[in-house]
Amino acid sequence: MALDYLTFPDDLERADHAILGLHGRYGNKSAFLPFVRQMGFLHTRWVLPSATFAEDAAPNVRWWYDNDREDPVEVQQSRDEIGRLIRMQVDDGVRPENIFLVGFSQGAVMSVDTGLRYPERLGGIVSLSGYVIHPQHLRKERNEANLRIPIFLAHGTRDQILHVEIGRENKRVLEDMGYDVEYNEYDTAHRVSSDETKDIRAFLHRHMYGMTLDDPRSEDAHVAPF
């Protein structure tokens, strides 16, 4: 079954870039909206899917894979569904190198797992408070098209759900595979802090437009005013 998703803004006339926002465990397609509204990029379509699997008694409680089992079949099913959403954006005229994956927690896991296997060069990956799932499989199955993809990793030093050492190991694993990783830690728990949001905007802007912003809220032709 295709993923249920929403787009933001829903009245966009022209999309030069597309960004998939992948929520964490027990979220849904609306979970990323507060974060997305802080980005403000013009001519950019955010695609916000609800994850593949649902609680029987609570269909809006979604997850990409079972945390305890980490079943490779479930992970692959979610990866395939995310890949279909990427392909939909390409079919709609967005170039693959202008498509980005942004994920939090389980969504962060899926952003890396999907992006590094994707057969066409994507614009970048933002993986927040996540980790590499089944690294031995990823090492064998990753696609050379994305060997040089920009990757932004972030983790909270007060994260009690996924300890910060998991974030540091995430960085080590990806660097050991040869990826160029931008890694940052923030004084926060299992959430996205305001400083983190600022750095994410700067990272995305830099790789979307090839321009560096000292302050991501600075006046810029690509960014909506606040």
N, C-alpha and C. Protein backbone atom coordinates (compact mmCIF):
# COMPACT_ATOMS: atom_id res chain seq x y z
N MET A 1 0.84 -1.19 0.00
CA MET A 1 0.00 0.00 0.00
C MET A 1 0.88 1.24 0.00
N ALA A 2 0.56 2.22 -0.86
CA ALA A 2 1.33 3.45 -0.93
C ALA A 2 1.18 4.24 0.36
N LEU A 3 2.24 4.97 0.71
CA LEU A 3 2.22 5.75 1.93
C LEU A 3 1.24 6.91 1.81
N ASP A 4 0.52 7.16 2.90
CA ASP A 4 -0.30 8.36 3.02
C ASP A 4 0.64 9.52 3.32
N TYR A 5 0.44 10.65 2.67
CA TYR A 5 1.34 11.78 2.88
C TYR A 5 0.61 13.09 2.63
N LEU A 6 1.21 14.15 3.14
CA LEU A 6 0.74 15.49 2.82
C LEU A 6 1.90 16.28 2.26
N THR A 7 1.59 17.36 1.54
CA THR A 7 2.61 18.23 1.01
C THR A 7 2.45 19.62 1.62
N PHE A 8 3.58 20.30 1.77
CA PHE A 8 3.57 21.65 2.34
C PHE A 8 4.57 22.51 1.57
N PRO A 9 4.15 23.69 1.10
CA PRO A 9 2.77 24.16 1.11
C PRO A 9 1.92 23.40 0.08
N ASP A 10 0.63 23.34 0.33
CA ASP A 10 -0.22 22.53 -0.55
C ASP A 10 -0.67 23.27 -1.79
N ASP A 11 -0.30 24.55 -1.93
CA ASP A 11 -0.70 25.33 -3.11
C ASP A 11 0.52 25.80 -3.90
N LEU A 12 1.62 25.07 -3.79
CA LEU A 12 2.86 25.47 -4.46
C LEU A 12 2.69 25.39 -5.97
N GLU A 13 3.02 26.49 -6.65
CA GLU A 13 2.90 26.52 -8.11
C GLU A 13 4.11 25.92 -8.80
N ARG A 14 5.29 26.08 -8.20
CA ARG A 14 6.51 25.59 -8.83
C ARG A 14 7.42 24.99 -7.78
N ALA A 15 7.90 23.78 -8.02
CA ALA A 15 8.82 23.13 -7.10
C ALA A 15 10.17 22.94 -7.78
N ASP A 16 11.17 23.70 -7.31
CA ASP A 16 12.53 23.50 -7.79
C ASP A 16 13.25 22.44 -6.96
N HIS A 17 12.84 22.32 -5.69
CA HIS A 17 13.40 21.34 -4.77
C HIS A 17 12.28 20.60 -4.07
N ALA A 18 12.59 19.39 -3.63
CA ALA A 18 11.65 18.61 -2.82
C ALA A 18 12.42 18.05 -1.63
N ILE A 19 11.78 18.11 -0.47
CA ILE A 19 12.39 17.59 0.76
C ILE A 19 11.41 16.63 1.41
N LEU A 20 11.82 15.39 1.61
CA LEU A 20 10.98 14.41 2.31
C LEU A 20 11.28 14.49 3.80
N GLY A 21 10.25 14.71 4.60
CA GLY A 21 10.39 14.76 6.04
C GLY A 21 9.87 13.48 6.67
N LEU A 22 10.75 12.71 7.28
CA LEU A 22 10.40 11.39 7.79
C LEU A 22 10.35 11.42 9.32
N HIS A 23 9.15 11.25 9.86
CA HIS A 23 8.93 11.37 11.30
C HIS A 23 9.50 10.18 12.07
N GLY A 24 9.53 10.33 13.39
CA GLY A 24 10.01 9.27 14.26
C GLY A 24 8.93 8.27 14.60
N ARG A 25 9.31 7.26 15.39
CA ARG A 25 8.39 6.21 15.80
C ARG A 25 7.20 6.79 16.56
N TYR A 26 6.04 6.30 16.21
CA TYR A 26 4.76 6.68 16.83
C TYR A 26 4.31 8.08 16.46
N GLY A 27 4.89 8.64 15.39
CA GLY A 27 4.40 9.89 14.84
C GLY A 27 3.48 9.63 13.66
N ASN A 28 3.28 10.65 12.86
CA ASN A 28 2.51 10.51 11.62
C ASN A 28 2.87 11.68 10.70
N LYS A 29 2.16 11.82 9.60
CA LYS A 29 2.52 12.79 8.58
C LYS A 29 2.47 14.23 9.07
N SER A 30 1.76 14.50 10.15
CA SER A 30 1.66 15.86 10.67
C SER A 30 2.79 16.23 11.63
N ALA A 31 3.57 15.24 12.06
CA ALA A 31 4.55 15.47 13.12
C ALA A 31 5.63 16.47 12.71
N PHE A 32 5.98 16.54 11.43
CA PHE A 32 7.05 17.39 10.98
C PHE A 32 6.61 18.82 10.68
N LEU A 33 5.31 19.10 10.70
CA LEU A 33 4.83 20.41 10.28
C LEU A 33 5.42 21.57 11.09
N PRO A 34 5.49 21.50 12.43
CA PRO A 34 6.09 22.63 13.16
C PRO A 34 7.53 22.91 12.75
N PHE A 35 8.29 21.85 12.49
CA PHE A 35 9.68 22.00 12.04
C PHE A 35 9.71 22.60 10.64
N VAL A 36 8.89 22.09 9.74
CA VAL A 36 8.90 22.53 8.35
C VAL A 36 8.57 24.02 8.24
N ARG A 37 7.65 24.48 9.06
CA ARG A 37 7.24 25.88 9.00
C ARG A 37 8.37 26.84 9.39
N GLN A 38 9.41 26.32 10.01
CA GLN A 38 10.56 27.15 10.38
C GLN A 38 11.60 27.23 9.27
N MET A 39 11.46 26.44 8.21
CA MET A 39 12.45 26.41 7.16
C MET A 39 12.30 27.58 6.19
N GLY A 40 11.13 27.76 5.61
CA GLY A 40 10.85 28.94 4.81
C GLY A 40 11.46 29.00 3.43
N PHE A 41 11.91 27.88 2.85
CA PHE A 41 12.48 27.92 1.51
C PHE A 41 11.39 28.11 0.47
N LEU A 42 11.66 29.00 -0.49
CA LEU A 42 10.72 29.25 -1.56
C LEU A 42 10.87 28.20 -2.66
N HIS A 43 9.78 27.95 -3.38
CA HIS A 43 9.78 26.99 -4.50
C HIS A 43 10.29 25.61 -4.06
N THR A 44 9.96 25.26 -2.84
CA THR A 44 10.38 23.98 -2.27
C THR A 44 9.16 23.24 -1.74
N ARG A 45 9.00 22.01 -2.19
CA ARG A 45 7.89 21.17 -1.75
C ARG A 45 8.37 20.22 -0.66
N TRP A 46 7.73 20.27 0.49
CA TRP A 46 7.95 19.28 1.53
C TRP A 46 6.95 18.15 1.36
N VAL A 47 7.44 16.94 1.38
CA VAL A 47 6.59 15.75 1.28
C VAL A 47 6.69 15.03 2.62
N LEU A 48 5.56 14.93 3.31
CA LEU A 48 5.54 14.42 4.68
C LEU A 48 4.67 13.17 4.75
N PRO A 49 5.28 11.99 4.68
CA PRO A 49 4.51 10.75 4.73
C PRO A 49 4.29 10.24 6.15
N SER A 50 3.17 9.55 6.33
CA SER A 50 3.02 8.71 7.52
C SER A 50 3.76 7.41 7.27
N ALA A 51 4.36 6.86 8.30
CA ALA A 51 5.19 5.66 8.14
C ALA A 51 4.36 4.46 7.72
N THR A 52 5.05 3.41 7.36
CA THR A 52 4.46 2.25 6.70
C THR A 52 3.50 1.46 7.58
N PHE A 53 3.84 1.31 8.85
CA PHE A 53 3.09 0.41 9.73
C PHE A 53 2.33 1.20 10.78
N ALA A 54 1.22 0.60 11.26
CA ALA A 54 0.35 1.28 12.23
C ALA A 54 -0.07 0.35 13.35
N GLU A 55 -0.32 0.94 14.50
CA GLU A 55 -0.94 0.21 15.60
C GLU A 55 -2.38 -0.16 15.20
N ASP A 56 -2.81 -1.39 15.52
CA ASP A 56 -4.14 -1.82 15.14
C ASP A 56 -5.23 -0.92 15.72
N ALA A 57 -5.06 -0.53 16.98
CA ALA A 57 -6.09 0.26 17.65
C ALA A 57 -5.90 1.76 17.46
N ALA A 58 -4.80 2.17 16.81
CA ALA A 58 -4.53 3.60 16.66
C ALA A 58 -3.87 3.83 15.31
N PRO A 59 -4.66 3.95 14.24
CA PRO A 59 -4.08 4.04 12.90
C PRO A 59 -3.22 5.27 12.66
N ASN A 60 -3.31 6.30 13.49
CA ASN A 60 -2.46 7.47 13.33
C ASN A 60 -1.12 7.33 14.06
N VAL A 61 -0.93 6.23 14.75
CA VAL A 61 0.34 5.95 15.43
C VAL A 61 1.16 5.05 14.50
N ARG A 62 2.19 5.63 13.89
CA ARG A 62 2.88 4.95 12.80
C ARG A 62 4.34 4.66 13.14
N TRP A 63 4.90 3.66 12.50
CA TRP A 63 6.30 3.33 12.68
C TRP A 63 6.85 2.71 11.40
N TRP A 64 8.16 2.91 11.18
CA TRP A 64 8.81 2.44 9.95
C TRP A 64 9.26 0.99 10.05
N TYR A 65 9.53 0.53 11.28
CA TYR A 65 9.90 -0.86 11.53
C TYR A 65 9.78 -1.09 13.02
N ASP A 66 9.65 -2.35 13.43
CA ASP A 66 9.58 -2.68 14.85
C ASP A 66 10.95 -2.47 15.50
N ASN A 67 10.99 -1.65 16.52
CA ASN A 67 12.27 -1.30 17.15
C ASN A 67 12.99 -2.50 17.74
N ASP A 68 12.23 -3.43 18.30
CA ASP A 68 12.85 -4.57 18.97
C ASP A 68 13.39 -5.59 17.97
N ARG A 69 12.62 -5.88 16.94
CA ARG A 69 13.03 -6.92 15.99
C ARG A 69 13.96 -6.39 14.90
N GLU A 70 13.79 -5.11 14.52
CA GLU A 70 14.55 -4.53 13.42
C GLU A 70 14.57 -5.47 12.21
N ASP A 71 13.40 -5.94 11.87
CA ASP A 71 13.23 -6.92 10.80
C ASP A 71 13.69 -6.31 9.47
N PRO A 72 14.69 -6.92 8.81
CA PRO A 72 15.14 -6.38 7.53
C PRO A 72 14.04 -6.31 6.47
N VAL A 73 13.05 -7.19 6.56
CA VAL A 73 11.95 -7.17 5.59
C VAL A 73 11.10 -5.92 5.79
N GLU A 74 10.82 -5.57 7.05
CA GLU A 74 10.07 -4.34 7.33
C GLU A 74 10.86 -3.12 6.90
N VAL A 75 12.15 -3.11 7.20
CA VAL A 75 12.99 -1.97 6.82
C VAL A 75 12.99 -1.81 5.30
N GLN A 76 13.11 -2.92 4.59
CA GLN A 76 13.12 -2.84 3.13
C GLN A 76 11.78 -2.36 2.60
N GLN A 77 10.69 -2.81 3.20
CA GLN A 77 9.37 -2.37 2.76
C GLN A 77 9.25 -0.86 2.91
N SER A 78 9.68 -0.34 4.05
CA SER A 78 9.63 1.11 4.24
C SER A 78 10.58 1.82 3.28
N ARG A 79 11.76 1.27 3.08
CA ARG A 79 12.71 1.86 2.14
C ARG A 79 12.11 1.94 0.74
N ASP A 80 11.45 0.88 0.32
CA ASP A 80 10.85 0.86 -1.01
C ASP A 80 9.75 1.92 -1.14
N GLU A 81 8.96 2.08 -0.08
CA GLU A 81 7.88 3.07 -0.13
C GLU A 81 8.46 4.49 -0.19
N ILE A 82 9.51 4.76 0.57
CA ILE A 82 10.14 6.08 0.50
C ILE A 82 10.74 6.30 -0.88
N GLY A 83 11.35 5.26 -1.44
CA GLY A 83 11.89 5.36 -2.79
C GLY A 83 10.83 5.71 -3.81
N ARG A 84 9.62 5.18 -3.63
CA ARG A 84 8.53 5.50 -4.55
C ARG A 84 8.15 6.98 -4.44
N LEU A 85 8.18 7.51 -3.23
CA LEU A 85 7.89 8.94 -3.08
C LEU A 85 8.95 9.81 -3.76
N ILE A 86 10.21 9.38 -3.65
CA ILE A 86 11.27 10.10 -4.36
C ILE A 86 11.01 10.07 -5.86
N ARG A 87 10.66 8.91 -6.37
CA ARG A 87 10.42 8.77 -7.80
C ARG A 87 9.24 9.62 -8.24
N MET A 88 8.23 9.77 -7.40
CA MET A 88 7.09 10.63 -7.74
C MET A 88 7.54 12.07 -7.93
N GLN A 89 8.48 12.52 -7.11
CA GLN A 89 8.98 13.89 -7.25
C GLN A 89 9.78 14.05 -8.55
N VAL A 90 10.57 13.04 -8.88
CA VAL A 90 11.32 13.07 -10.13
C VAL A 90 10.36 13.10 -11.31
N ASP A 91 9.33 12.27 -11.26
CA ASP A 91 8.34 12.24 -12.34
C ASP A 91 7.59 13.56 -12.47
N ASP A 92 7.54 14.30 -11.36
CA ASP A 92 6.86 15.60 -11.36
C ASP A 92 7.79 16.73 -11.78
N GLY A 93 9.02 16.39 -12.15
CA GLY A 93 9.91 17.39 -12.71
C GLY A 93 11.02 17.88 -11.81
N VAL A 94 11.12 17.35 -10.58
CA VAL A 94 12.21 17.75 -9.68
C VAL A 94 13.42 16.87 -9.97
N ARG A 95 14.55 17.48 -10.22
CA ARG A 95 15.75 16.70 -10.51
C ARG A 95 16.20 15.95 -9.26
N PRO A 96 16.70 14.72 -9.40
CA PRO A 96 17.11 13.94 -8.22
C PRO A 96 18.08 14.67 -7.32
N GLU A 97 19.02 15.42 -7.91
CA GLU A 97 20.01 16.12 -7.09
C GLU A 97 19.41 17.30 -6.32
N ASN A 98 18.14 17.60 -6.58
CA ASN A 98 17.43 18.64 -5.84
C ASN A 98 16.43 18.05 -4.84
N ILE A 99 16.59 16.77 -4.53
CA ILE A 99 15.72 16.10 -3.57
C ILE A 99 16.54 15.75 -2.33
N PHE A 100 16.00 16.08 -1.16
CA PHE A 100 16.68 15.87 0.11
C PHE A 100 15.82 15.01 1.03
N LEU A 101 16.49 14.25 1.89
CA LEU A 101 15.81 13.45 2.90
C LEU A 101 16.16 14.00 4.28
N VAL A 102 15.13 14.34 5.06
CA VAL A 102 15.31 14.84 6.42
C VAL A 102 14.52 13.94 7.36
N GLY A 103 15.18 13.32 8.33
CA GLY A 103 14.48 12.39 9.21
C GLY A 103 14.87 12.56 10.66
N PHE A 104 13.93 12.23 11.54
CA PHE A 104 14.17 12.27 12.98
C PHE A 104 13.96 10.88 13.58
N SER A 105 14.91 10.42 14.40
CA SER A 105 14.82 9.15 15.11
C SER A 105 14.64 8.00 14.11
N GLN A 106 13.55 7.24 14.15
CA GLN A 106 13.37 6.19 13.13
C GLN A 106 13.41 6.78 11.73
N GLY A 107 12.86 7.98 11.56
CA GLY A 107 12.91 8.64 10.25
C GLY A 107 14.33 8.97 9.85
N ALA A 108 15.19 9.29 10.83
CA ALA A 108 16.60 9.52 10.55
C ALA A 108 17.27 8.24 10.05
N VAL A 109 16.93 7.13 10.71
CA VAL A 109 17.45 5.83 10.28
C VAL A 109 17.07 5.56 8.83
N MET A 110 15.80 5.81 8.50
CA MET A 110 15.33 5.53 7.14
C MET A 110 15.91 6.49 6.12
N SER A 111 16.21 7.73 6.52
CA SER A 111 16.79 8.68 5.57
C SER A 111 18.16 8.20 5.10
N VAL A 112 18.96 7.69 6.03
CA VAL A 112 20.28 7.16 5.67
C VAL A 112 20.13 5.84 4.91
N ASP A 113 19.30 4.96 5.42
CA ASP A 113 19.13 3.63 4.83
C ASP A 113 18.63 3.72 3.39
N THR A 114 17.74 4.66 3.13
CA THR A 114 17.19 4.83 1.78
C THR A 114 18.12 5.64 0.90
N GLY A 115 18.60 6.78 1.41
CA GLY A 115 19.37 7.69 0.58
C GLY A 115 20.66 7.09 0.05
N LEU A 116 21.36 6.30 0.88
CA LEU A 116 22.65 5.76 0.45
C LEU A 116 22.50 4.60 -0.52
N ARG A 117 21.30 4.05 -0.61
CA ARG A 117 21.04 2.99 -1.59
C ARG A 117 20.42 3.52 -2.89
N TYR A 118 19.95 4.74 -2.88
CA TYR A 118 19.17 5.23 -4.02
C TYR A 118 20.05 5.28 -5.28
N PRO A 119 19.53 4.85 -6.44
CA PRO A 119 20.37 4.68 -7.63
C PRO A 119 20.68 5.96 -8.40
N GLU A 120 20.16 7.11 -7.96
CA GLU A 120 20.48 8.38 -8.58
C GLU A 120 20.97 9.35 -7.50
N ARG A 121 21.87 10.24 -7.87
CA ARG A 121 22.45 11.17 -6.89
C ARG A 121 21.37 12.09 -6.34
N LEU A 122 21.23 12.10 -5.03
CA LEU A 122 20.30 12.98 -4.34
C LEU A 122 21.05 14.19 -3.81
N GLY A 123 20.27 15.18 -3.31
CA GLY A 123 20.87 16.43 -2.88
C GLY A 123 21.56 16.35 -1.54
N GLY A 124 21.01 15.58 -0.61
CA GLY A 124 21.61 15.50 0.71
C GLY A 124 20.72 14.75 1.69
N ILE A 125 21.31 14.40 2.83
CA ILE A 125 20.61 13.68 3.89
C ILE A 125 20.81 14.44 5.20
N VAL A 126 19.71 14.63 5.93
CA VAL A 126 19.76 15.20 7.28
C VAL A 126 19.20 14.13 8.22
N SER A 127 20.05 13.61 9.09
CA SER A 127 19.69 12.51 9.98
C SER A 127 19.82 12.98 11.42
N LEU A 128 18.68 13.12 12.11
CA LEU A 128 18.63 13.73 13.43
C LEU A 128 18.29 12.68 14.48
N SER A 129 19.20 12.50 15.43
CA SER A 129 18.98 11.57 16.55
C SER A 129 18.68 10.16 16.06
N GLY A 130 19.48 9.68 15.15
CA GLY A 130 19.27 8.35 14.59
C GLY A 130 20.52 7.49 14.65
N TYR A 131 20.56 6.47 13.81
CA TYR A 131 21.69 5.55 13.75
C TYR A 131 21.64 4.81 12.43
N VAL A 132 22.68 4.05 12.13
CA VAL A 132 22.70 3.21 10.92
C VAL A 132 22.17 1.84 11.29
N ILE A 133 21.10 1.43 10.64
CA ILE A 133 20.53 0.11 10.90
C ILE A 133 21.15 -0.90 9.93
N HIS A 134 21.51 -2.07 10.45
CA HIS A 134 22.10 -3.15 9.65
C HIS A 134 23.26 -2.63 8.79
N PRO A 135 24.30 -2.07 9.42
CA PRO A 135 25.41 -1.50 8.63
C PRO A 135 26.10 -2.51 7.73
N GLN A 136 26.08 -3.77 8.13
CA GLN A 136 26.72 -4.78 7.29
C GLN A 136 25.98 -4.95 5.97
N HIS A 137 24.66 -4.78 5.99
CA HIS A 137 23.89 -4.83 4.75
C HIS A 137 24.10 -3.57 3.92
N LEU A 138 24.10 -2.42 4.60
CA LEU A 138 24.27 -1.16 3.89
C LEU A 138 25.60 -1.12 3.16
N ARG A 139 26.64 -1.59 3.81
CA ARG A 139 27.97 -1.57 3.20
C ARG A 139 27.97 -2.32 1.86
N LYS A 140 27.20 -3.41 1.78
CA LYS A 140 27.15 -4.20 0.56
C LYS A 140 26.18 -3.64 -0.47
N GLU A 141 25.11 -2.98 0.00
CA GLU A 141 24.02 -2.61 -0.90
C GLU A 141 24.00 -1.14 -1.29
N ARG A 142 24.83 -0.31 -0.69
CA ARG A 142 24.83 1.12 -1.01
C ARG A 142 25.16 1.33 -2.48
N ASN A 143 24.67 2.45 -3.01
CA ASN A 143 24.85 2.72 -4.44
C ASN A 143 25.94 3.76 -4.65
N GLU A 144 26.78 3.54 -5.63
CA GLU A 144 27.89 4.46 -5.88
C GLU A 144 27.40 5.84 -6.28
N ALA A 145 26.14 5.96 -6.73
CA ALA A 145 25.62 7.28 -7.11
C ALA A 145 25.64 8.26 -5.95
N ASN A 146 25.54 7.75 -4.71
CA ASN A 146 25.49 8.62 -3.55
C ASN A 146 26.67 8.46 -2.60
N LEU A 147 27.80 8.06 -3.15
CA LEU A 147 29.00 7.92 -2.31
C LEU A 147 29.48 9.27 -1.79
N ARG A 148 29.16 10.36 -2.50
CA ARG A 148 29.64 11.68 -2.09
C ARG A 148 28.48 12.60 -1.68
N ILE A 149 27.38 12.04 -1.31
CA ILE A 149 26.23 12.83 -0.91
C ILE A 149 26.53 13.58 0.40
N PRO A 150 26.14 14.85 0.52
CA PRO A 150 26.32 15.56 1.79
C PRO A 150 25.42 14.97 2.88
N ILE A 151 25.98 14.76 4.05
CA ILE A 151 25.23 14.16 5.17
C ILE A 151 25.40 15.04 6.41
N PHE A 152 24.28 15.43 7.00
CA PHE A 152 24.26 16.19 8.24
C PHE A 152 23.71 15.29 9.33
N LEU A 153 24.51 15.04 10.36
CA LEU A 153 24.08 14.25 11.51
C LEU A 153 24.02 15.14 12.73
N ALA A 154 23.02 14.90 13.58
CA ALA A 154 22.90 15.66 14.82
C ALA A 154 22.38 14.76 15.92
N HIS A 155 22.80 15.07 17.16
CA HIS A 155 22.34 14.27 18.30
C HIS A 155 22.36 15.13 19.55
N GLY A 156 21.41 14.87 20.44
CA GLY A 156 21.34 15.59 21.70
C GLY A 156 22.20 14.95 22.77
N THR A 157 22.94 15.76 23.51
CA THR A 157 23.81 15.21 24.55
C THR A 157 23.02 14.72 25.76
N ARG A 158 21.75 15.12 25.87
CA ARG A 158 20.90 14.67 26.98
C ARG A 158 19.82 13.69 26.52
N ASP A 159 20.05 13.06 25.38
CA ASP A 159 19.09 12.10 24.82
C ASP A 159 19.09 10.83 25.68
N GLN A 160 17.95 10.53 26.29
CA GLN A 160 17.82 9.32 27.11
C GLN A 160 17.17 8.17 26.35
N ILE A 161 16.70 8.42 25.14
CA ILE A 161 16.09 7.37 24.31
C ILE A 161 17.13 6.73 23.42
N LEU A 162 17.90 7.54 22.74
CA LEU A 162 19.06 7.08 21.98
C LEU A 162 20.26 7.89 22.49
N HIS A 163 21.06 7.28 23.32
CA HIS A 163 22.16 7.98 23.99
C HIS A 163 23.08 8.62 22.96
N VAL A 164 23.72 9.72 23.35
CA VAL A 164 24.58 10.46 22.42
C VAL A 164 25.69 9.58 21.87
N GLU A 165 26.13 8.57 22.61
CA GLU A 165 27.17 7.70 22.08
C GLU A 165 26.69 6.96 20.83
N ILE A 166 25.39 6.73 20.71
CA ILE A 166 24.84 6.13 19.49
C ILE A 166 25.05 7.08 18.32
N GLY A 167 24.85 8.39 18.55
CA GLY A 167 25.10 9.36 17.51
C GLY A 167 26.57 9.40 17.10
N ARG A 168 27.45 9.30 18.09
CA ARG A 168 28.88 9.30 17.77
C ARG A 168 29.28 8.04 16.99
N GLU A 169 28.67 6.92 17.35
CA GLU A 169 28.92 5.68 16.60
C GLU A 169 28.37 5.79 15.19
N ASN A 170 27.23 6.44 15.04
CA ASN A 170 26.64 6.69 13.73
C ASN A 170 27.66 7.40 12.83
N LYS A 171 28.27 8.44 13.38
CA LYS A 171 29.29 9.18 12.63
C LYS A 171 30.47 8.28 12.27
N ARG A 172 30.94 7.48 13.24
CA ARG A 172 32.09 6.61 12.98
C ARG A 172 31.79 5.59 11.89
N VAL A 173 30.60 5.01 11.94
CA VAL A 173 30.23 3.99 10.95
C VAL A 173 30.22 4.59 9.55
N LEU A 174 29.60 5.75 9.40
CA LEU A 174 29.50 6.35 8.06
C LEU A 174 30.86 6.84 7.56
N GLU A 175 31.66 7.40 8.45
CA GLU A 175 32.99 7.82 8.02
C GLU A 175 33.85 6.62 7.65
N ASP A 176 33.67 5.51 8.36
CA ASP A 176 34.42 4.31 8.04
C ASP A 176 34.05 3.78 6.66
N MET A 177 32.82 4.06 6.22
CA MET A 177 32.40 3.67 4.87
C MET A 177 32.86 4.68 3.82
N GLY A 178 33.46 5.78 4.26
CA GLY A 178 34.01 6.74 3.32
C GLY A 178 33.16 7.97 3.07
N TYR A 179 32.08 8.16 3.84
CA TYR A 179 31.21 9.31 3.62
C TYR A 179 31.73 10.54 4.34
N ASP A 180 31.51 11.69 3.73
CA ASP A 180 31.86 12.97 4.32
C ASP A 180 30.68 13.42 5.17
N VAL A 181 30.86 13.45 6.48
CA VAL A 181 29.77 13.67 7.42
C VAL A 181 29.99 14.97 8.19
N GLU A 182 28.95 15.78 8.27
CA GLU A 182 28.94 16.94 9.16
C GLU A 182 28.17 16.54 10.42
N TYR A 183 28.85 16.46 11.55
CA TYR A 183 28.24 15.97 12.78
C TYR A 183 28.23 17.07 13.83
N ASN A 184 27.07 17.24 14.48
CA ASN A 184 26.93 18.24 15.53
C ASN A 184 26.16 17.66 16.71
N GLU A 185 26.57 18.08 17.91
CA GLU A 185 25.84 17.72 19.12
C GLU A 185 25.22 18.97 19.73
N TYR A 186 24.07 18.77 20.39
CA TYR A 186 23.33 19.89 20.95
C TYR A 186 22.91 19.56 22.39
N ASP A 187 22.82 20.59 23.19
CA ASP A 187 22.44 20.43 24.59
C ASP A 187 20.92 20.28 24.67
N THR A 188 20.46 19.08 24.32
CA THR A 188 19.03 18.82 24.29
C THR A 188 18.79 17.34 24.48
N ALA A 189 17.52 16.98 24.69
CA ALA A 189 17.13 15.58 24.84
C ALA A 189 16.78 15.00 23.46
N HIS A 190 15.84 14.06 23.42
CA HIS A 190 15.46 13.42 22.15
C HIS A 190 14.46 14.30 21.41
N ARG A 191 14.99 15.39 20.88
CA ARG A 191 14.18 16.38 20.19
C ARG A 191 15.11 17.21 19.32
N VAL A 192 14.52 18.13 18.54
CA VAL A 192 15.30 19.04 17.69
C VAL A 192 15.30 20.41 18.35
N SER A 193 16.47 20.91 18.69
CA SER A 193 16.59 22.19 19.38
C SER A 193 16.55 23.35 18.39
N SER A 194 16.41 24.57 18.91
CA SER A 194 16.38 25.76 18.05
C SER A 194 17.74 25.97 17.37
N ASP A 195 18.84 25.74 18.09
CA ASP A 195 20.16 25.86 17.47
C ASP A 195 20.34 24.82 16.36
N GLU A 196 19.84 23.64 16.61
CA GLU A 196 19.90 22.56 15.60
C GLU A 196 19.12 22.96 14.36
N THR A 197 17.93 23.52 14.55
CA THR A 197 17.10 23.95 13.42
C THR A 197 17.84 24.99 12.59
N LYS A 198 18.50 25.92 13.26
CA LYS A 198 19.27 26.95 12.55
C LYS A 198 20.36 26.32 11.70
N ASP A 199 21.06 25.35 12.25
CA ASP A 199 22.15 24.70 11.50
C ASP A 199 21.61 23.85 10.35
N ILE A 200 20.45 23.24 10.54
CA ILE A 200 19.84 22.46 9.45
C ILE A 200 19.48 23.37 8.29
N ARG A 201 18.89 24.52 8.60
CA ARG A 201 18.54 25.48 7.54
C ARG A 201 19.79 25.90 6.78
N ALA A 202 20.86 26.16 7.49
CA ALA A 202 22.10 26.57 6.82
C ALA A 202 22.65 25.46 5.94
N PHE A 203 22.62 24.22 6.45
CA PHE A 203 23.11 23.07 5.67
C PHE A 203 22.28 22.90 4.39
N LEU A 204 20.95 22.91 4.54
CA LEU A 204 20.09 22.73 3.37
C LEU A 204 20.30 23.86 2.37
N HIS A 205 20.35 25.09 2.85
CA HIS A 205 20.53 26.22 1.95
C HIS A 205 21.85 26.10 1.19
N ARG A 206 22.89 25.71 1.88
CA ARG A 206 24.21 25.60 1.25
C ARG A 206 24.20 24.58 0.13
N HIS A 207 23.51 23.46 0.34
CA HIS A 207 23.54 22.40 -0.67
C HIS A 207 22.40 22.52 -1.69
N MET A 208 21.40 23.32 -1.39
CA MET A 208 20.36 23.61 -2.39
C MET A 208 20.82 24.67 -3.37
N TYR A 209 21.52 25.70 -2.86
CA TYR A 209 21.82 26.87 -3.68
C TYR A 209 23.31 27.15 -3.82
N GLY A 210 24.17 26.38 -3.16
CA GLY A 210 25.60 26.63 -3.25
C GLY A 210 26.01 27.93 -2.59
N MET A 211 25.23 28.37 -1.61
CA MET A 211 25.49 29.64 -0.93
C MET A 211 25.57 29.40 0.57
N THR A 212 26.52 30.05 1.22
CA THR A 212 26.68 29.92 2.66
C THR A 212 25.97 31.07 3.36
N LEU A 213 25.24 30.75 4.41
CA LEU A 213 24.59 31.76 5.23
C LEU A 213 25.20 31.75 6.61
N ASP A 214 25.75 32.86 7.04
CA ASP A 214 26.20 32.95 8.42
C ASP A 214 25.01 32.89 9.38
N ASP A 215 23.92 33.52 8.97
CA ASP A 215 22.68 33.47 9.73
C ASP A 215 21.60 32.98 8.79
N PRO A 216 21.05 31.79 9.02
CA PRO A 216 20.06 31.25 8.10
C PRO A 216 18.80 32.09 7.98
N ARG A 217 18.59 33.04 8.89
CA ARG A 217 17.42 33.91 8.77
C ARG A 217 17.74 35.22 8.05
N SER A 218 18.95 35.34 7.54
CA SER A 218 19.31 36.54 6.80
C SER A 218 18.43 36.69 5.56
N GLU A 219 18.27 37.93 5.13
CA GLU A 219 17.47 38.18 3.94
C GLU A 219 18.11 37.49 2.75
N ASP A 220 17.32 36.76 2.00
CA ASP A 220 17.85 35.98 0.89
C ASP A 220 16.73 35.72 -0.09
N ALA A 221 17.07 35.70 -1.37
CA ALA A 221 16.05 35.55 -2.40
C ALA A 221 15.38 34.19 -2.37
N HIS A 222 16.00 33.20 -1.73
CA HIS A 222 15.46 31.84 -1.71
C HIS A 222 14.62 31.55 -0.49
N VAL A 223 14.67 32.43 0.50
CA VAL A 223 14.07 32.15 1.79
C VAL A 223 12.94 33.12 2.06
N ALA A 224 11.80 32.59 2.48
CA ALA A 224 10.66 33.44 2.78
C ALA A 224 10.95 34.30 4.01
N PRO A 225 10.44 35.53 4.05
CA PRO A 225 10.66 36.38 5.22
C PRO A 225 9.95 35.85 6.45
N PHE A 226 10.48 36.18 7.62
CA PHE A 226 9.89 35.75 8.89
C PHE A 226 9.26 36.94 9.59
